Each structure stands twice: as C-alpha cells, then as structure tokens.
Amino acid sequence: MNITEVRIRPVKSDGKTRAIASITFDDSFVVKELRIVEGASGLFVSMPSRKLGTGGYRDIAHPITAEARDEIQAMVLAEFEKQTADFETHVH
C-alpha cells in the first residue's frame, strides 16, 4: 500500500498537539485523526486512539511494522513542515 494523500489541519491549543492529520492509502482507504504532537525529542505522529474507562488510551488504528510507522511519520511530518513553512512565508 502506498500513501497517496496527506491532509493536515493545524490546531490552536495550549497543549502539545500541533495538528490533526489524515492519510489516504492507494486513493481508496483513509485513516483520520492522527495527531502531530510536540514531544520532549521533537515532533512525532500519534495514531488515532480511544480513551479507556481506566483513564488510559488505546490505538484504534496503527501500523504493524516499524517500517510502516516510519513511512507514515516521515510523510505526515514532511507535509506538516511544508505547510508550516508556506504559512510562515505568507505571513511575513
């Protein structure tokens, strides 16, 4: 499967979430509500999750292999950086 589209929606919040993303595979399957989060080591992509009754969270969609996770993260963060740069260029 190939990622054929990445959409980014910036989020204005006081929290660590910087944007919400969706990715489309082979122009036929979409996964929504990935979060771009500012962590201690920089930005990372958090998979869609559901809050559990015990207070924790469980991913409801996630890559099975490290390679798939790396590819998703690289493409989502690249699109986020591109949009952020485009925004900065148009603001100044």
N, C-alpha and C. Protein backbone atom coordinates (compact mmCIF):
# COMPACT_ATOMS: atom_id res chain seq x y z
N MET A 1 0.84 -1.19 0.00
CA MET A 1 0.00 0.00 0.00
C MET A 1 0.88 1.24 0.00
N ASN A 2 0.44 2.24 -0.74
CA ASN A 2 1.17 3.50 -0.80
C ASN A 2 0.31 4.61 -0.22
N ILE A 3 0.95 5.54 0.45
CA ILE A 3 0.25 6.71 0.94
C ILE A 3 0.11 7.66 -0.24
N THR A 4 -1.13 7.95 -0.62
CA THR A 4 -1.36 8.78 -1.80
C THR A 4 -1.82 10.20 -1.46
N GLU A 5 -2.17 10.44 -0.20
CA GLU A 5 -2.55 11.79 0.20
C GLU A 5 -2.34 11.96 1.70
N VAL A 6 -1.87 13.15 2.07
CA VAL A 6 -1.75 13.53 3.48
C VAL A 6 -2.42 14.89 3.62
N ARG A 7 -3.34 14.99 4.55
CA ARG A 7 -4.00 16.27 4.84
C ARG A 7 -3.68 16.67 6.27
N ILE A 8 -3.39 17.95 6.45
CA ILE A 8 -3.01 18.48 7.76
C ILE A 8 -3.99 19.59 8.13
N ARG A 9 -4.44 19.57 9.38
CA ARG A 9 -5.28 20.64 9.91
C ARG A 9 -4.62 21.16 11.18
N PRO A 10 -3.99 22.35 11.11
CA PRO A 10 -3.34 22.90 12.30
C PRO A 10 -4.33 23.08 13.44
N VAL A 11 -3.83 22.95 14.66
CA VAL A 11 -4.65 23.07 15.86
C VAL A 11 -4.08 24.19 16.72
N LYS A 12 -4.95 25.07 17.17
CA LYS A 12 -4.52 26.11 18.10
C LYS A 12 -4.91 25.64 19.48
N SER A 13 -3.91 25.28 20.29
CA SER A 13 -4.19 24.81 21.64
C SER A 13 -3.01 25.12 22.53
N ASP A 14 -3.27 25.09 23.82
CA ASP A 14 -2.20 25.27 24.79
C ASP A 14 -1.50 23.95 25.08
N GLY A 15 -2.04 22.87 24.55
CA GLY A 15 -1.47 21.55 24.77
C GLY A 15 -0.32 21.28 23.82
N LYS A 16 0.04 20.02 23.71
CA LYS A 16 1.18 19.62 22.89
C LYS A 16 0.80 19.24 21.46
N THR A 17 -0.50 19.12 21.16
CA THR A 17 -0.93 18.78 19.81
C THR A 17 -0.78 20.00 18.91
N ARG A 18 -0.07 19.82 17.80
CA ARG A 18 0.17 20.91 16.85
C ARG A 18 -0.76 20.85 15.64
N ALA A 19 -1.21 19.63 15.29
CA ALA A 19 -2.09 19.48 14.12
C ALA A 19 -2.75 18.11 14.16
N ILE A 20 -3.83 18.00 13.38
CA ILE A 20 -4.51 16.73 13.16
C ILE A 20 -4.29 16.38 11.69
N ALA A 21 -4.03 15.11 11.42
CA ALA A 21 -3.75 14.69 10.05
C ALA A 21 -4.66 13.53 9.65
N SER A 22 -4.81 13.39 8.34
CA SER A 22 -5.44 12.19 7.79
C SER A 22 -4.54 11.71 6.66
N ILE A 23 -4.49 10.41 6.47
CA ILE A 23 -3.69 9.83 5.39
C ILE A 23 -4.57 8.90 4.57
N THR A 24 -4.33 8.90 3.27
CA THR A 24 -5.09 8.05 2.36
C THR A 24 -4.13 7.05 1.73
N PHE A 25 -4.53 5.79 1.71
CA PHE A 25 -3.74 4.73 1.09
C PHE A 25 -4.36 4.37 -0.25
N ASP A 26 -3.53 4.33 -1.29
CA ASP A 26 -3.95 3.89 -2.63
C ASP A 26 -5.23 4.55 -3.12
N ASP A 27 -5.42 5.81 -2.76
CA ASP A 27 -6.62 6.55 -3.16
C ASP A 27 -7.92 5.81 -2.81
N SER A 28 -7.87 4.91 -1.80
CA SER A 28 -9.07 4.13 -1.53
C SER A 28 -9.37 3.87 -0.05
N PHE A 29 -8.44 4.20 0.86
CA PHE A 29 -8.68 3.94 2.28
C PHE A 29 -8.06 5.07 3.08
N VAL A 30 -8.86 5.70 3.95
CA VAL A 30 -8.38 6.84 4.72
C VAL A 30 -8.34 6.52 6.20
N VAL A 31 -7.32 7.03 6.88
CA VAL A 31 -7.23 6.96 8.33
C VAL A 31 -7.18 8.41 8.82
N LYS A 32 -8.13 8.77 9.69
CA LYS A 32 -8.24 10.14 10.18
C LYS A 32 -7.82 10.22 11.63
N GLU A 33 -7.63 11.44 12.09
CA GLU A 33 -7.37 11.75 13.50
C GLU A 33 -5.99 11.31 14.00
N LEU A 34 -4.99 11.29 13.10
CA LEU A 34 -3.62 11.16 13.57
C LEU A 34 -3.26 12.52 14.16
N ARG A 35 -2.49 12.54 15.22
CA ARG A 35 -2.12 13.80 15.84
C ARG A 35 -0.63 14.05 15.68
N ILE A 36 -0.26 15.27 15.36
CA ILE A 36 1.14 15.68 15.36
C ILE A 36 1.37 16.34 16.71
N VAL A 37 2.27 15.75 17.48
CA VAL A 37 2.46 16.12 18.88
C VAL A 37 3.88 16.61 19.10
N GLU A 38 4.02 17.66 19.91
CA GLU A 38 5.34 18.16 20.32
C GLU A 38 5.77 17.37 21.55
N GLY A 39 6.78 16.52 21.39
CA GLY A 39 7.29 15.72 22.49
C GLY A 39 8.63 16.25 22.97
N ALA A 40 9.20 15.59 23.95
CA ALA A 40 10.49 16.00 24.52
C ALA A 40 11.60 15.96 23.48
N SER A 41 11.49 15.06 22.50
CA SER A 41 12.53 14.92 21.46
C SER A 41 12.13 15.54 20.14
N GLY A 42 11.07 16.34 20.11
CA GLY A 42 10.60 16.95 18.88
C GLY A 42 9.23 16.42 18.50
N LEU A 43 8.85 16.67 17.25
CA LEU A 43 7.53 16.27 16.77
C LEU A 43 7.45 14.77 16.52
N PHE A 44 6.28 14.19 16.77
CA PHE A 44 6.03 12.81 16.40
C PHE A 44 4.55 12.67 16.05
N VAL A 45 4.22 11.56 15.39
CA VAL A 45 2.85 11.30 14.97
C VAL A 45 2.24 10.26 15.91
N SER A 46 1.10 10.62 16.50
CA SER A 46 0.35 9.74 17.38
C SER A 46 -0.82 9.17 16.59
N MET A 47 -0.99 7.87 16.67
CA MET A 47 -2.06 7.20 15.94
C MET A 47 -3.42 7.50 16.56
N PRO A 48 -4.51 7.34 15.79
CA PRO A 48 -5.85 7.56 16.34
C PRO A 48 -6.07 6.64 17.54
N SER A 49 -6.67 7.18 18.59
CA SER A 49 -6.86 6.38 19.79
C SER A 49 -8.20 6.68 20.44
N ARG A 50 -8.56 5.80 21.34
CA ARG A 50 -9.80 5.93 22.10
C ARG A 50 -9.46 5.90 23.58
N LYS A 51 -10.10 6.77 24.34
CA LYS A 51 -9.88 6.80 25.78
C LYS A 51 -10.55 5.60 26.43
N LEU A 52 -9.82 4.95 27.30
CA LEU A 52 -10.35 3.78 28.01
C LEU A 52 -11.01 4.21 29.32
N GLY A 53 -11.87 3.39 29.84
CA GLY A 53 -12.54 3.66 31.10
C GLY A 53 -11.57 3.78 32.26
N THR A 54 -10.40 3.15 32.12
CA THR A 54 -9.39 3.18 33.17
C THR A 54 -8.54 4.45 33.13
N GLY A 55 -8.80 5.32 32.15
CA GLY A 55 -8.07 6.57 32.04
C GLY A 55 -6.95 6.55 31.02
N GLY A 56 -6.56 5.39 30.53
CA GLY A 56 -5.52 5.31 29.52
C GLY A 56 -6.09 5.45 28.12
N TYR A 57 -5.25 5.22 27.13
CA TYR A 57 -5.68 5.30 25.72
C TYR A 57 -5.26 4.02 25.01
N ARG A 58 -6.03 3.66 23.98
CA ARG A 58 -5.68 2.52 23.13
C ARG A 58 -5.78 2.96 21.67
N ASP A 59 -4.72 2.66 20.89
CA ASP A 59 -4.76 2.95 19.46
C ASP A 59 -5.87 2.16 18.80
N ILE A 60 -6.62 2.81 17.91
CA ILE A 60 -7.67 2.09 17.18
C ILE A 60 -7.25 1.78 15.76
N ALA A 61 -6.16 2.39 15.32
CA ALA A 61 -5.54 2.05 14.03
C ALA A 61 -4.05 2.33 14.19
N HIS A 62 -3.22 1.40 13.75
CA HIS A 62 -1.79 1.60 13.89
C HIS A 62 -1.03 0.70 12.93
N PRO A 63 0.18 1.13 12.54
CA PRO A 63 1.00 0.29 11.67
C PRO A 63 1.50 -0.94 12.43
N ILE A 64 1.69 -2.02 11.72
CA ILE A 64 2.16 -3.26 12.35
C ILE A 64 3.69 -3.32 12.37
N THR A 65 4.33 -2.76 11.34
CA THR A 65 5.79 -2.83 11.27
C THR A 65 6.41 -1.47 11.56
N ALA A 66 7.66 -1.51 12.01
CA ALA A 66 8.41 -0.28 12.26
C ALA A 66 8.59 0.50 10.96
N GLU A 67 8.78 -0.21 9.86
CA GLU A 67 8.97 0.46 8.57
C GLU A 67 7.72 1.24 8.17
N ALA A 68 6.55 0.66 8.38
CA ALA A 68 5.30 1.35 8.05
C ALA A 68 5.13 2.57 8.95
N ARG A 69 5.43 2.42 10.24
CA ARG A 69 5.33 3.56 11.17
C ARG A 69 6.28 4.68 10.74
N ASP A 70 7.50 4.32 10.38
CA ASP A 70 8.49 5.32 9.95
C ASP A 70 8.03 6.05 8.69
N GLU A 71 7.47 5.30 7.73
CA GLU A 71 7.00 5.91 6.48
C GLU A 71 5.84 6.87 6.75
N ILE A 72 4.89 6.46 7.57
CA ILE A 72 3.75 7.32 7.90
C ILE A 72 4.25 8.58 8.60
N GLN A 73 5.10 8.40 9.59
CA GLN A 73 5.60 9.56 10.34
C GLN A 73 6.37 10.51 9.42
N ALA A 74 7.24 9.98 8.57
CA ALA A 74 8.02 10.82 7.68
C ALA A 74 7.13 11.63 6.74
N MET A 75 6.13 10.99 6.15
CA MET A 75 5.27 11.68 5.19
C MET A 75 4.38 12.72 5.87
N VAL A 76 3.83 12.38 7.04
CA VAL A 76 2.96 13.31 7.75
C VAL A 76 3.76 14.51 8.24
N LEU A 77 4.93 14.28 8.82
CA LEU A 77 5.74 15.40 9.32
C LEU A 77 6.27 16.25 8.18
N ALA A 78 6.60 15.64 7.05
CA ALA A 78 7.06 16.41 5.89
C ALA A 78 5.96 17.35 5.40
N GLU A 79 4.73 16.87 5.33
CA GLU A 79 3.62 17.72 4.89
C GLU A 79 3.35 18.81 5.92
N PHE A 80 3.44 18.49 7.20
CA PHE A 80 3.26 19.48 8.26
C PHE A 80 4.33 20.57 8.14
N GLU A 81 5.58 20.18 7.97
CA GLU A 81 6.68 21.15 7.83
C GLU A 81 6.48 22.02 6.59
N LYS A 82 6.04 21.41 5.49
CA LYS A 82 5.79 22.16 4.25
C LYS A 82 4.70 23.21 4.47
N GLN A 83 3.61 22.80 5.09
CA GLN A 83 2.51 23.74 5.32
C GLN A 83 2.91 24.83 6.31
N THR A 84 3.70 24.47 7.32
CA THR A 84 4.16 25.45 8.29
C THR A 84 5.07 26.47 7.61
N ALA A 85 5.97 26.00 6.75
CA ALA A 85 6.87 26.89 6.01
C ALA A 85 6.07 27.78 5.07
N ASP A 86 5.08 27.21 4.37
CA ASP A 86 4.23 28.00 3.47
C ASP A 86 3.49 29.08 4.24
N PHE A 87 2.99 28.75 5.42
CA PHE A 87 2.27 29.70 6.25
C PHE A 87 3.20 30.83 6.68
N GLU A 88 4.40 30.48 7.13
CA GLU A 88 5.36 31.49 7.58
C GLU A 88 5.74 32.42 6.44
N THR A 89 5.88 31.86 5.22
CA THR A 89 6.23 32.67 4.05
C THR A 89 5.13 33.68 3.73
N HIS A 90 3.86 33.27 3.86
CA HIS A 90 2.75 34.16 3.52
C HIS A 90 2.45 35.17 4.63
N VAL A 91 2.86 34.89 5.85
CA VAL A 91 2.60 35.80 6.96
C VAL A 91 3.57 36.97 6.92
N HIS A 92 4.81 36.70 6.53
CA HIS A 92 5.83 37.76 6.56
C HIS A 92 5.87 38.52 5.29
